[in-house]
Amino acid sequence: MKLTGVYKGMRKGYGETLIELGRKYENLVVLDADLSSSTQTAMFAKEFPDRFFNAGVAEQNLMGMAAGLATTGKIVFASSFAMFAAGRPWEIIRNLIAYPKLNVKIVATHAGITVGEDGASHQMCEDIAIMRAIPNMVVIAPTDYYHTKNVIREIAKYNGPVYVRMPRRDTEIIYESEEEASFKIGEGKILFDGDDITIIATGEEVPEALRAREILKEHGISAQIIEMATIKPLDEKILKKSNNFIVTVEDHNIIGGLGSAVAEAIVNDDKKLLRIGINDVFGKSGKAEELLKYYGLDGESVAKRILKVIKNEKGY
């Protein structure tokens, strides 16, 4: 894997893979909340109109419908923006989907700060926290276009509730093929070995971690890079292979997200942890790339933060 300079939308990979799965599983259905053009579920709707249901701008009903269809033996994919897929119907998800452990896949687009100009009301930076707090819920953030396709294939085979988050913008492809972009629920992946620090990243922050690695290399620092696509269940075994200084990077609130999950896992280990993410604040309106830089989530900012901590021995 490498930084390719080629950008493609994860949600496009989602839409394309739904068509593939629709042909494979006759009991697969897709639901949306009047945002199918944005979530890319419109691709499935065009191919399988009898297996697509638009709940309208009524996300609580969307999740109730998903639960009902799952009780009849359907593999259910339900989509909307992350703010509306995770935030608005949370209680319905908890009680009607997760509690009975129904086979519903909640695939949310437009997650994180990079929603951009839509601003704080739509920038969902709390969804990992609120979804991983629900028992029985699997929480995943794919890395790029090819990786997303494999994530969707895997969760279709998994019997139980899953939450997948992906961004609005096109993100940089780091895998050159679907074969290279392997994925298994609950397993992290070491992308590069390094002896000095370990950077654990999830979602669209993985390419930024790779960018930070190159900058750190210029300063004589060898960084191990771990892709942690599954935040719950967290791969605690791979953490045993990490260096004593761990940095987590996520486009999410540092409270309750990847950083918190790693902190909980290593609490009894003799390791230092730096969490890089949204520092418990609401977002602002702006272009995605500008917001990444403003909140210190671009590769250059991540590298600078790490270098500052290493030099000052402060900030853990």
C-alpha atoms as a PDB file:
ATOM      1  CA  MET A   1       0.000   0.000   0.000  1.00  0.00           C
ATOM      2  CA  LYS A   2       1.108   3.580  -0.633  1.00  0.00           C
ATOM      3  CA  LEU A   3      -0.086   7.122  -1.119  1.00  0.00           C
ATOM      4  CA  THR A   4      -1.247   7.113  -4.726  1.00  0.00           C
ATOM      5  CA  GLY A   5      -2.525  10.653  -5.227  1.00  0.00           C
ATOM      6  CA  VAL A   6      -5.709   9.101  -6.635  1.00  0.00           C
ATOM      7  CA  TYR A   7      -8.970   9.970  -4.882  1.00  0.00           C
ATOM      8  CA  LYS A   8     -12.235   8.064  -4.984  1.00  0.00           C
ATOM      9  CA  GLY A   9     -15.319   8.028  -2.772  1.00  0.00           C
ATOM     10  CA  MET A  10     -15.877   5.275  -0.236  1.00  0.00           C
ATOM     11  CA  ARG A  11     -19.622   5.753  -0.623  1.00  0.00           C
ATOM     12  CA  LYS A  12     -19.286   4.973  -4.327  1.00  0.00           C
ATOM     13  CA  GLY A  13     -17.601   1.723  -3.388  1.00  0.00           C
ATOM     14  CA  TYR A  14     -20.504   1.073  -1.030  1.00  0.00           C
ATOM     15  CA  GLY A  15     -23.132   1.612  -3.718  1.00  0.00           C
ATOM     16  CA  GLU A  16     -21.322  -0.566  -6.247  1.00  0.00           C
ATOM     17  CA  THR A  17     -20.886  -3.393  -3.747  1.00  0.00           C
ATOM     18  CA  LEU A  18     -24.565  -3.317  -2.781  1.00  0.00           C
ATOM     19  CA  ILE A  19     -25.447  -4.202  -6.382  1.00  0.00           C
ATOM     20  CA  GLU A  20     -22.967  -7.087  -6.309  1.00  0.00           C
ATOM     21  CA  LEU A  21     -24.416  -8.353  -3.016  1.00  0.00           C
ATOM     22  CA  GLY A  22     -27.983  -7.895  -4.263  1.00  0.00           C
ATOM     23  CA  ARG A  23     -27.245 -10.341  -7.056  1.00  0.00           C
ATOM     24  CA  LYS A  24     -25.681 -12.788  -4.605  1.00  0.00           C
ATOM     25  CA  TYR A  25     -28.256 -12.603  -1.788  1.00  0.00           C
ATOM     26  CA  GLU A  26     -31.910 -12.592  -2.799  1.00  0.00           C
ATOM     27  CA  ASN A  27     -32.894 -11.758   0.794  1.00  0.00           C
ATOM     28  CA  LEU A  28     -30.808  -8.565   0.900  1.00  0.00           C
ATOM     29  CA  VAL A  29     -32.783  -5.316   1.132  1.00  0.00           C
ATOM     30  CA  VAL A  30     -31.688  -1.684   1.331  1.00  0.00           C
ATOM     31  CA  LEU A  31     -33.359   1.215   3.138  1.00  0.00           C
ATOM     32  CA  ASP A  32     -32.633   4.917   3.003  1.00  0.00           C
ATOM     33  CA  ALA A  33     -33.969   8.141   4.476  1.00  0.00           C
ATOM     34  CA  ASP A  34     -34.491  10.250   1.358  1.00  0.00           C
ATOM     35  CA  LEU A  35     -30.746  10.639   0.776  1.00  0.00           C
ATOM     36  CA  SER A  36     -30.084   7.777  -1.623  1.00  0.00           C
ATOM     37  CA  SER A  37     -28.283   9.958  -4.171  1.00  0.00           C
ATOM     38  CA  SER A  38     -25.835  11.095  -1.497  1.00  0.00           C
ATOM     39  CA  THR A  39     -25.372   7.730   0.213  1.00  0.00           C
ATOM     40  CA  GLN A  40     -25.141   6.042  -3.213  1.00  0.00           C
ATOM     41  CA  THR A  41     -27.839   3.497  -2.342  1.00  0.00           C
ATOM     42  CA  ALA A  42     -29.642   4.848  -5.415  1.00  0.00           C
ATOM     43  CA  MET A  43     -27.492   2.438  -7.417  1.00  0.00           C
ATOM     44  CA  PHE A  44     -29.181  -0.482  -5.654  1.00  0.00           C
ATOM     45  CA  ALA A  45     -32.612   1.136  -5.991  1.00  0.00           C
ATOM     46  CA  LYS A  46     -32.199   1.345  -9.752  1.00  0.00           C
ATOM     47  CA  GLU A  47     -31.110  -2.297 -10.044  1.00  0.00           C
ATOM     48  CA  PHE A  48     -33.506  -3.771  -7.471  1.00  0.00           C
ATOM     49  CA  PRO A  49     -36.482  -1.403  -7.071  1.00  0.00           C
ATOM     50  CA  ASP A  50     -38.573  -4.076  -5.328  1.00  0.00           C
ATOM     51  CA  ARG A  51     -35.942  -4.490  -2.625  1.00  0.00           C
ATOM     52  CA  PHE A  52     -35.329  -0.816  -1.916  1.00  0.00           C
ATOM     53  CA  PHE A  53     -37.388   1.179   0.594  1.00  0.00           C
ATOM     54  CA  ASN A  54     -37.285   4.930   1.136  1.00  0.00           C
ATOM     55  CA  ALA A  55     -38.429   5.822   4.653  1.00  0.00           C
ATOM     56  CA  GLY A  56     -38.370   9.532   3.929  1.00  0.00           C
ATOM     57  CA  VAL A  57     -36.958  12.060   6.373  1.00  0.00           C
ATOM     58  CA  ALA A  58     -37.921   9.826   9.297  1.00  0.00           C
ATOM     59  CA  GLU A  59     -34.804   8.086  10.557  1.00  0.00           C
ATOM     60  CA  GLN A  60     -36.460   6.543  13.609  1.00  0.00           C
ATOM     61  CA  ASN A  61     -38.995   4.899  11.295  1.00  0.00           C
ATOM     62  CA  LEU A  62     -36.102   3.850   9.053  1.00  0.00           C
ATOM     63  CA  MET A  63     -34.511   1.867  11.878  1.00  0.00           C
ATOM     64  CA  GLY A  64     -37.866   0.453  12.979  1.00  0.00           C
ATOM     65  CA  MET A  65     -38.511  -0.765   9.436  1.00  0.00           C
ATOM     66  CA  ALA A  66     -35.008  -2.228   9.296  1.00  0.00           C
ATOM     67  CA  ALA A  67     -35.622  -4.145  12.513  1.00  0.00           C
ATOM     68  CA  GLY A  68     -38.937  -5.481  11.257  1.00  0.00           C
ATOM     69  CA  LEU A  69     -37.492  -6.666   7.961  1.00  0.00           C
ATOM     70  CA  ALA A  70     -34.598  -8.346   9.779  1.00  0.00           C
ATOM     71  CA  THR A  71     -37.046 -10.414  11.835  1.00  0.00           C
ATOM     72  CA  THR A  72     -38.322 -11.934   8.573  1.00  0.00           C
ATOM     73  CA  GLY A  73     -34.860 -13.227   7.632  1.00  0.00           C
ATOM     74  CA  LYS A  74     -33.679 -10.305   5.506  1.00  0.00           C
ATOM     75  CA  ILE A  75     -30.116  -8.983   5.392  1.00  0.00           C
ATOM     76  CA  VAL A  76     -30.866  -5.300   5.919  1.00  0.00           C
ATOM     77  CA  PHE A  77     -28.687  -2.335   4.948  1.00  0.00           C
ATOM     78  CA  ALA A  78     -29.976   1.003   6.274  1.00  0.00           C
ATOM     79  CA  SER A  79     -28.284   4.251   5.293  1.00  0.00           C
ATOM     80  CA  SER A  80     -28.337   7.981   5.902  1.00  0.00           C
ATOM     81  CA  PHE A  81     -25.876  10.681   6.930  1.00  0.00           C
ATOM     82  CA  ALA A  82     -24.016   9.753  10.133  1.00  0.00           C
ATOM     83  CA  MET A  83     -25.718  12.529  12.091  1.00  0.00           C
ATOM     84  CA  PHE A  84     -29.133  11.102  11.209  1.00  0.00           C
ATOM     85  CA  ALA A  85     -28.237   7.400  11.067  1.00  0.00           C
ATOM     86  CA  ALA A  86     -26.530   7.282  14.459  1.00  0.00           C
ATOM     87  CA  GLY A  87     -27.728  10.345  16.330  1.00  0.00           C
ATOM     88  CA  ARG A  88     -31.431  10.775  15.719  1.00  0.00           C
ATOM     89  CA  PRO A  89     -32.584   7.118  16.025  1.00  0.00           C
ATOM     90  CA  TRP A  90     -30.128   5.990  18.737  1.00  0.00           C
ATOM     91  CA  GLU A  91     -32.749   4.665  21.128  1.00  0.00           C
ATOM     92  CA  ILE A  92     -34.478   2.732  18.329  1.00  0.00           C
ATOM     93  CA  ILE A  93     -31.147   1.215  17.309  1.00  0.00           C
ATOM     94  CA  ARG A  94     -30.379   0.237  20.899  1.00  0.00           C
ATOM     95  CA  ASN A  95     -33.712  -1.347  21.755  1.00  0.00           C
ATOM     96  CA  LEU A  96     -35.014  -2.701  18.443  1.00  0.00           C
ATOM     97  CA  ILE A  97     -31.808  -3.686  16.635  1.00  0.00           C
ATOM     98  CA  ALA A  98     -28.907  -4.228  19.042  1.00  0.00           C
ATOM     99  CA  TYR A  99     -30.823  -5.661  22.014  1.00  0.00           C
ATOM    100  CA  PRO A 100     -32.320  -8.557  19.979  1.00  0.00           C
ATOM    101  CA  LYS A 101     -29.091  -8.692  17.908  1.00  0.00           C
ATOM    102  CA  LEU A 102     -30.867  -8.348  14.579  1.00  0.00           C
ATOM    103  CA  ASN A 103     -29.126  -8.594  11.227  1.00  0.00           C
ATOM    104  CA  VAL A 104     -29.100  -4.884  10.372  1.00  0.00           C
ATOM    105  CA  LYS A 105     -26.138  -3.061   8.845  1.00  0.00           C
ATOM    106  CA  ILE A 106     -26.247   0.687   9.473  1.00  0.00           C
ATOM    107  CA  VAL A 107     -23.958   2.258   6.885  1.00  0.00           C
ATOM    108  CA  ALA A 108     -23.548   5.975   7.487  1.00  0.00           C
ATOM    109  CA  THR A 109     -21.986   8.462   5.098  1.00  0.00           C
ATOM    110  CA  HIS A 110     -20.965  12.089   5.715  1.00  0.00           C
ATOM    111  CA  ALA A 111     -19.230  11.250   9.012  1.00  0.00           C
ATOM    112  CA  GLY A 112     -16.611  13.395  10.708  1.00  0.00           C
ATOM    113  CA  ILE A 113     -15.367  16.932  10.304  1.00  0.00           C
ATOM    114  CA  THR A 114     -14.791  16.637   6.546  1.00  0.00           C
ATOM    115  CA  VAL A 115     -18.496  17.019   5.789  1.00  0.00           C
ATOM    116  CA  GLY A 116     -17.154  20.541   5.347  1.00  0.00           C
ATOM    117  CA  GLU A 117     -19.389  23.482   4.500  1.00  0.00           C
ATOM    118  CA  ASP A 118     -22.476  21.884   6.093  1.00  0.00           C
ATOM    119  CA  GLY A 119     -20.973  22.863   9.441  1.00  0.00           C
ATOM    120  CA  ALA A 120     -21.312  21.655  13.019  1.00  0.00           C
ATOM    121  CA  SER A 121     -24.946  20.538  12.764  1.00  0.00           C
ATOM    122  CA  HIS A 122     -23.981  17.878  10.199  1.00  0.00           C
ATOM    123  CA  GLN A 123     -20.400  17.085  11.246  1.00  0.00           C
ATOM    124  CA  MET A 124     -20.923  13.902  13.246  1.00  0.00           C
ATOM    125  CA  CYS A 125     -17.834  13.458  15.422  1.00  0.00           C
ATOM    126  CA  GLU A 126     -19.511  11.482  18.198  1.00  0.00           C
ATOM    127  CA  ASP A 127     -20.915   8.478  16.333  1.00  0.00           C
ATOM    128  CA  ILE A 128     -18.148   5.999  17.135  1.00  0.00           C
ATOM    129  CA  ALA A 129     -18.553   6.774  20.823  1.00  0.00           C
ATOM    130  CA  ILE A 130     -22.313   6.393  20.962  1.00  0.00           C
ATOM    131  CA  MET A 131     -22.419   3.318  18.754  1.00  0.00           C
ATOM    132  CA  ARG A 132     -19.611   1.379  20.417  1.00  0.00           C
ATOM    133  CA  ALA A 133     -21.298   1.934  23.774  1.00  0.00           C
ATOM    134  CA  ILE A 134     -24.185  -0.276  22.611  1.00  0.00           C
ATOM    135  CA  PRO A 135     -23.801  -4.002  23.412  1.00  0.00           C
ATOM    136  CA  ASN A 136     -23.769  -6.346  20.369  1.00  0.00           C
ATOM    137  CA  MET A 137     -22.802  -3.516  18.002  1.00  0.00           C
ATOM    138  CA  VAL A 138     -19.776  -3.850  15.700  1.00  0.00           C
ATOM    139  CA  VAL A 139     -18.210  -0.500  14.702  1.00  0.00           C
ATOM    140  CA  ILE A 140     -16.096  -0.091  11.556  1.00  0.00           C
ATOM    141  CA  ALA A 141     -14.454   2.766   9.629  1.00  0.00           C
ATOM    142  CA  PRO A 142     -13.074   1.711   6.208  1.00  0.00           C
ATOM    143  CA  THR A 143      -9.842   3.163   4.849  1.00  0.00           C
ATOM    144  CA  ASP A 144     -10.406   3.800   1.144  1.00  0.00           C
ATOM    145  CA  TYR A 145     -12.551   2.894  -1.877  1.00  0.00           C
ATOM    146  CA  TYR A 146     -11.227  -0.657  -2.324  1.00  0.00           C
ATOM    147  CA  HIS A 147     -11.194  -1.327   1.405  1.00  0.00           C
ATOM    148  CA  THR A 148     -14.822  -0.217   1.673  1.00  0.00           C
ATOM    149  CA  LYS A 149     -15.904  -2.819  -0.868  1.00  0.00           C
ATOM    150  CA  ASN A 150     -14.345  -5.598   1.210  1.00  0.00           C
ATOM    151  CA  VAL A 151     -15.818  -4.211   4.427  1.00  0.00           C
ATOM    152  CA  ILE A 152     -19.316  -4.280   2.945  1.00  0.00           C
ATOM    153  CA  ARG A 153     -18.826  -7.823   1.666  1.00  0.00           C
ATOM    154  CA  GLU A 154     -17.679  -9.012   5.084  1.00  0.00           C
ATOM    155  CA  ILE A 155     -20.473  -7.427   7.086  1.00  0.00           C
ATOM    156  CA  ALA A 156     -23.030  -8.931   4.703  1.00  0.00           C
ATOM    157  CA  LYS A 157     -21.776 -12.360   5.815  1.00  0.00           C
ATOM    158  CA  TYR A 158     -21.813 -11.414   9.507  1.00  0.00           C
ATOM    159  CA  ASN A 159     -25.058 -12.178  11.336  1.00  0.00           C
ATOM    160  CA  GLY A 160     -25.740  -9.252  13.644  1.00  0.00           C
ATOM    161  CA  PRO A 161     -25.831  -5.458  13.918  1.00  0.00           C
ATOM    162  CA  VAL A 162     -22.999  -3.422  12.438  1.00  0.00           C
ATOM    163  CA  TYR A 163     -22.300   0.302  12.199  1.00  0.00           C
ATOM    164  CA  VAL A 164     -20.049   1.514   9.366  1.00  0.00           C
ATOM    165  CA  ARG A 165     -19.002   5.154   9.014  1.00  0.00           C
ATOM    166  CA  MET A 166     -17.496   6.789   5.961  1.00  0.00           C
ATOM    167  CA  PRO A 167     -16.830  10.380   4.876  1.00  0.00           C
ATOM    168  CA  ARG A 168     -18.553  12.552   2.326  1.00  0.00           C
ATOM    169  CA  ARG A 169     -15.473  13.508   0.321  1.00  0.00           C
ATOM    170  CA  ASP A 170     -13.422  11.433  -2.050  1.00  0.00           C
ATOM    171  CA  THR A 171     -10.433  10.083  -0.138  1.00  0.00           C
ATOM    172  CA  GLU A 172      -6.989   8.979  -1.220  1.00  0.00           C
ATOM    173  CA  ILE A 173      -6.642   5.394  -2.359  1.00  0.00           C
ATOM    174  CA  ILE A 174      -3.787   3.601  -0.596  1.00  0.00           C
ATOM    175  CA  TYR A 175      -4.561   0.086  -1.828  1.00  0.00           C
ATOM    176  CA  GLU A 176      -3.916  -0.744  -5.464  1.00  0.00           C
ATOM    177  CA  SER A 177      -6.586  -3.438  -5.663  1.00  0.00           C
ATOM    178  CA  GLU A 178      -9.407  -5.126  -3.788  1.00  0.00           C
ATOM    179  CA  GLU A 179      -7.127  -8.109  -3.236  1.00  0.00           C
ATOM    180  CA  GLU A 180      -4.577  -5.940  -1.430  1.00  0.00           C
ATOM    181  CA  ALA A 181      -7.266  -4.235   0.666  1.00  0.00           C
ATOM    182  CA  SER A 182      -8.039  -7.274   2.804  1.00  0.00           C
ATOM    183  CA  PHE A 183     -10.403  -6.937   5.761  1.00  0.00           C
ATOM    184  CA  LYS A 184     -11.634  -9.131   8.565  1.00  0.00           C
ATOM    185  CA  ILE A 185     -13.929  -7.967  11.357  1.00  0.00           C
ATOM    186  CA  GLY A 186     -11.994  -7.422  14.571  1.00  0.00           C
ATOM    187  CA  GLU A 187      -8.519  -7.487  13.034  1.00  0.00           C
ATOM    188  CA  GLY A 188      -6.156  -4.546  12.711  1.00  0.00           C
ATOM    189  CA  LYS A 189      -3.377  -4.493  10.142  1.00  0.00           C
ATOM    190  CA  ILE A 190       0.257  -3.410  10.366  1.00  0.00           C
ATOM    191  CA  LEU A 191       0.853  -1.395   7.202  1.00  0.00           C
ATOM    192  CA  PHE A 192       4.472  -0.477   7.980  1.00  0.00           C
ATOM    193  CA  ASP A 193       6.887  -1.558  10.696  1.00  0.00           C
ATOM    194  CA  GLY A 194       8.785   0.988  12.754  1.00  0.00           C
ATOM    195  CA  ASP A 195      10.923   0.955  15.881  1.00  0.00           C
ATOM    196  CA  ASP A 196      10.293   4.301  17.597  1.00  0.00           C
ATOM    197  CA  ILE A 197       6.562   5.004  17.727  1.00  0.00           C
ATOM    198  CA  THR A 198       3.291   3.426  16.656  1.00  0.00           C
ATOM    199  CA  ILE A 199       0.597   5.441  14.876  1.00  0.00           C
ATOM    200  CA  ILE A 200      -2.834   3.798  14.944  1.00  0.00           C
ATOM    201  CA  ALA A 201      -5.302   5.365  12.529  1.00  0.00           C
ATOM    202  CA  THR A 202      -8.822   4.649  11.366  1.00  0.00           C
ATOM    203  CA  GLY A 203     -10.929   5.677   8.385  1.00  0.00           C
ATOM    204  CA  GLU A 204      -9.826   8.570   6.219  1.00  0.00           C
ATOM    205  CA  GLU A 205      -7.024   9.348   8.677  1.00  0.00           C
ATOM    206  CA  VAL A 206      -5.015   6.322   7.560  1.00  0.00           C
ATOM    207  CA  PRO A 207      -3.578   8.147   4.499  1.00  0.00           C
ATOM    208  CA  GLU A 208      -2.772  11.101   6.775  1.00  0.00           C
ATOM    209  CA  ALA A 209      -0.896   8.738   9.099  1.00  0.00           C
ATOM    210  CA  LEU A 210       1.116   7.514   6.109  1.00  0.00           C
ATOM    211  CA  ARG A 211       1.883  11.125   5.223  1.00  0.00           C
ATOM    212  CA  ALA A 212       2.990  11.806   8.799  1.00  0.00           C
ATOM    213  CA  ARG A 213       5.219   8.727   8.673  1.00  0.00           C
ATOM    214  CA  GLU A 214       7.160  10.139   5.717  1.00  0.00           C
ATOM    215  CA  ILE A 215       7.691  13.460   7.494  1.00  0.00           C
ATOM    216  CA  LEU A 216       8.818  11.760  10.700  1.00  0.00           C
ATOM    217  CA  LYS A 217      11.231   9.643   8.681  1.00  0.00           C
ATOM    218  CA  GLU A 218      12.949  12.852   7.553  1.00  0.00           C
ATOM    219  CA  HIS A 219      13.515  13.645  11.247  1.00  0.00           C
ATOM    220  CA  GLY A 220      15.020  10.249  11.958  1.00  0.00           C
ATOM    221  CA  ILE A 221      11.912   8.784  13.591  1.00  0.00           C
ATOM    222  CA  SER A 222      10.751   5.322  12.553  1.00  0.00           C
ATOM    223  CA  ALA A 223       6.960   4.979  12.805  1.00  0.00           C
ATOM    224  CA  GLN A 224       4.988   1.769  12.791  1.00  0.00           C
ATOM    225  CA  ILE A 225       1.580   2.281  11.149  1.00  0.00           C
ATOM    226  CA  ILE A 226      -1.448   0.249  12.221  1.00  0.00           C
ATOM    227  CA  GLU A 227      -4.732   0.440  10.343  1.00  0.00           C
ATOM    228  CA  MET A 228      -7.527  -0.110  12.882  1.00  0.00           C
ATOM    229  CA  ALA A 229     -10.640  -0.332  10.742  1.00  0.00           C
ATOM    230  CA  THR A 230     -12.657  -2.158  13.396  1.00  0.00           C
ATOM    231  CA  ILE A 231     -12.980   0.005  16.479  1.00  0.00           C
ATOM    232  CA  LYS A 232     -15.280  -2.529  18.128  1.00  0.00           C
ATOM    233  CA  PRO A 233     -14.322  -5.278  18.731  1.00  0.00           C
ATOM    234  CA  LEU A 234     -10.834  -3.769  19.023  1.00  0.00           C
ATOM    235  CA  ASP A 235      -7.865  -5.915  18.037  1.00  0.00           C
ATOM    236  CA  GLU A 236      -6.045  -6.014  21.371  1.00  0.00           C
ATOM    237  CA  LYS A 237      -3.578  -8.651  20.137  1.00  0.00           C
ATOM    238  CA  ILE A 238      -2.078  -6.284  17.584  1.00  0.00           C
ATOM    239  CA  LEU A 239      -1.560  -3.699  20.320  1.00  0.00           C
ATOM    240  CA  LYS A 240       0.891  -6.110  21.950  1.00  0.00           C
ATOM    241  CA  LYS A 241       3.081  -5.619  18.862  1.00  0.00           C
ATOM    242  CA  SER A 242       3.094  -1.821  19.196  1.00  0.00           C
ATOM    243  CA  ASN A 243       5.908   0.402  20.430  1.00  0.00           C
ATOM    244  CA  ASN A 244       5.900   1.995  23.871  1.00  0.00           C
ATOM    245  CA  PHE A 245       4.765   5.342  22.447  1.00  0.00           C
ATOM    246  CA  ILE A 246       1.369   5.037  20.724  1.00  0.00           C
ATOM    247  CA  VAL A 247      -0.404   7.794  18.789  1.00  0.00           C
ATOM    248  CA  THR A 248      -4.045   7.403  17.749  1.00  0.00           C
ATOM    249  CA  VAL A 249      -5.417   9.504  14.881  1.00  0.00           C
ATOM    250  CA  GLU A 250      -9.120   9.818  14.067  1.00  0.00           C
ATOM    251  CA  ASP A 251     -11.612  12.220  12.495  1.00  0.00           C
ATOM    252  CA  HIS A 252     -13.761  11.943  15.621  1.00  0.00           C
ATOM    253  CA  ASN A 253     -13.984  13.306  19.137  1.00  0.00           C
ATOM    254  CA  ILE A 254     -11.040  12.066  21.220  1.00  0.00           C
ATOM    255  CA  ILE A 255     -13.635  11.153  23.865  1.00  0.00           C
ATOM    256  CA  GLY A 256     -15.129   7.742  23.219  1.00  0.00           C
ATOM    257  CA  GLY A 257     -13.535   7.048  19.856  1.00  0.00           C
ATOM    258  CA  LEU A 258     -10.485   5.113  18.675  1.00  0.00           C
ATOM    259  CA  GLY A 259      -8.195   6.830  21.178  1.00  0.00           C
ATOM    260  CA  SER A 260     -10.459   5.938  24.064  1.00  0.00           C
ATOM    261  CA  ALA A 261     -10.758   2.332  22.891  1.00  0.00           C
ATOM    262  CA  VAL A 262      -6.973   1.990  22.711  1.00  0.00           C
ATOM    263  CA  ALA A 263      -6.558   3.683  26.102  1.00  0.00           C
ATOM    264  CA  GLU A 264      -8.955   1.202  27.667  1.00  0.00           C
ATOM    265  CA  ALA A 265      -7.045  -1.705  26.120  1.00  0.00           C
ATOM    266  CA  ILE A 266      -3.552  -0.608  27.249  1.00  0.00           C
ATOM    267  CA  VAL A 267      -4.446   0.872  30.634  1.00  0.00           C
ATOM    268  CA  ASN A 268      -2.393  -1.764  32.454  1.00  0.00           C
ATOM    269  CA  ASP A 269       0.532  -1.663  30.020  1.00  0.00           C
ATOM    270  CA  ASP A 270       3.625   0.473  30.370  1.00  0.00           C
ATOM    271  CA  LYS A 271       2.935   2.532  27.265  1.00  0.00           C
ATOM    272  CA  LYS A 272       2.508   6.222  26.528  1.00  0.00           C
ATOM    273  CA  LEU A 273      -0.516   7.367  24.523  1.00  0.00           C
ATOM    274  CA  LEU A 274      -1.154  10.541  22.532  1.00  0.00           C
ATOM    275  CA  ARG A 275      -4.693  10.898  21.188  1.00  0.00           C
ATOM    276  CA  ILE A 276      -5.106  13.091  18.109  1.00  0.00           C
ATOM    277  CA  GLY A 277      -8.632  13.915  17.012  1.00  0.00           C
ATOM    278  CA  ILE A 278     -11.344  16.498  17.574  1.00  0.00           C
ATOM    279  CA  ASN A 279     -10.688  17.915  21.034  1.00  0.00           C
ATOM    280  CA  ASP A 280     -14.258  17.775  22.364  1.00  0.00           C
ATOM    281  CA  VAL A 281     -15.465  20.777  20.368  1.00  0.00           C
ATOM    282  CA  PHE A 282     -18.058  21.285  17.667  1.00  0.00           C
ATOM    283  CA  GLY A 283     -16.981  21.743  14.077  1.00  0.00           C
ATOM    284  CA  LYS A 284     -16.943  24.771  11.816  1.00  0.00           C
ATOM    285  CA  SER A 285     -18.005  25.384   8.241  1.00  0.00           C
ATOM    286  CA  GLY A 286     -15.237  25.195   5.666  1.00  0.00           C
ATOM    287  CA  LYS A 287     -13.596  23.112   2.991  1.00  0.00           C
ATOM    288  CA  ALA A 288     -12.678  19.595   4.087  1.00  0.00           C
ATOM    289  CA  GLU A 289      -8.925  20.047   3.570  1.00  0.00           C
ATOM    290  CA  GLU A 290      -8.953  23.354   5.444  1.00  0.00           C
ATOM    291  CA  LEU A 291     -10.821  21.801   8.345  1.00  0.00           C
ATOM    292  CA  LEU A 292      -8.374  18.903   8.585  1.00  0.00           C
ATOM    293  CA  LYS A 293      -5.546  21.400   8.904  1.00  0.00           C
ATOM    294  CA  TYR A 294      -7.486  23.637  11.321  1.00  0.00           C
ATOM    295  CA  TYR A 295      -8.143  20.713  13.654  1.00  0.00           C
ATOM    296  CA  GLY A 296      -4.641  19.281  13.256  1.00  0.00           C
ATOM    297  CA  LEU A 297      -5.703  16.127  11.429  1.00  0.00           C
ATOM    298  CA  ASP A 298      -3.709  16.437   8.203  1.00  0.00           C
ATOM    299  CA  GLY A 299      -0.468  14.481   7.923  1.00  0.00           C
ATOM    300  CA  GLU A 300       1.790  17.485   8.396  1.00  0.00           C
ATOM    301  CA  SER A 301      -0.021  18.610  11.545  1.00  0.00           C
ATOM    302  CA  VAL A 302       0.012  15.087  12.958  1.00  0.00           C
ATOM    303  CA  ALA A 303       3.770  14.846  12.411  1.00  0.00           C
ATOM    304  CA  LYS A 304       4.372  18.256  14.021  1.00  0.00           C
ATOM    305  CA  ARG A 305       2.324  17.277  17.076  1.00  0.00           C
ATOM    306  CA  ILE A 306       4.266  14.052  17.486  1.00  0.00           C
ATOM    307  CA  LEU A 307       7.612  15.810  17.076  1.00  0.00           C
ATOM    308  CA  LYS A 308       6.645  18.386  19.696  1.00  0.00           C
ATOM    309  CA  VAL A 309       5.731  15.700  22.198  1.00  0.00           C
ATOM    310  CA  ILE A 310       8.897  13.721  21.555  1.00  0.00           C
ATOM    311  CA  LYS A 311      11.113  16.782  21.931  1.00  0.00           C
ATOM    312  CA  ASN A 312       9.353  18.192  25.001  1.00  0.00           C
ATOM    313  CA  GLU A 313       8.436  14.922  26.698  1.00  0.00           C
ATOM    314  CA  LYS A 314       5.069  16.537  27.472  1.00  0.00           C
ATOM    315  CA  GLY A 315       1.489  16.247  26.306  1.00  0.00           C
ATOM    316  CA  TYR A 316       0.710  12.623  26.943  1.00  0.00           C
END
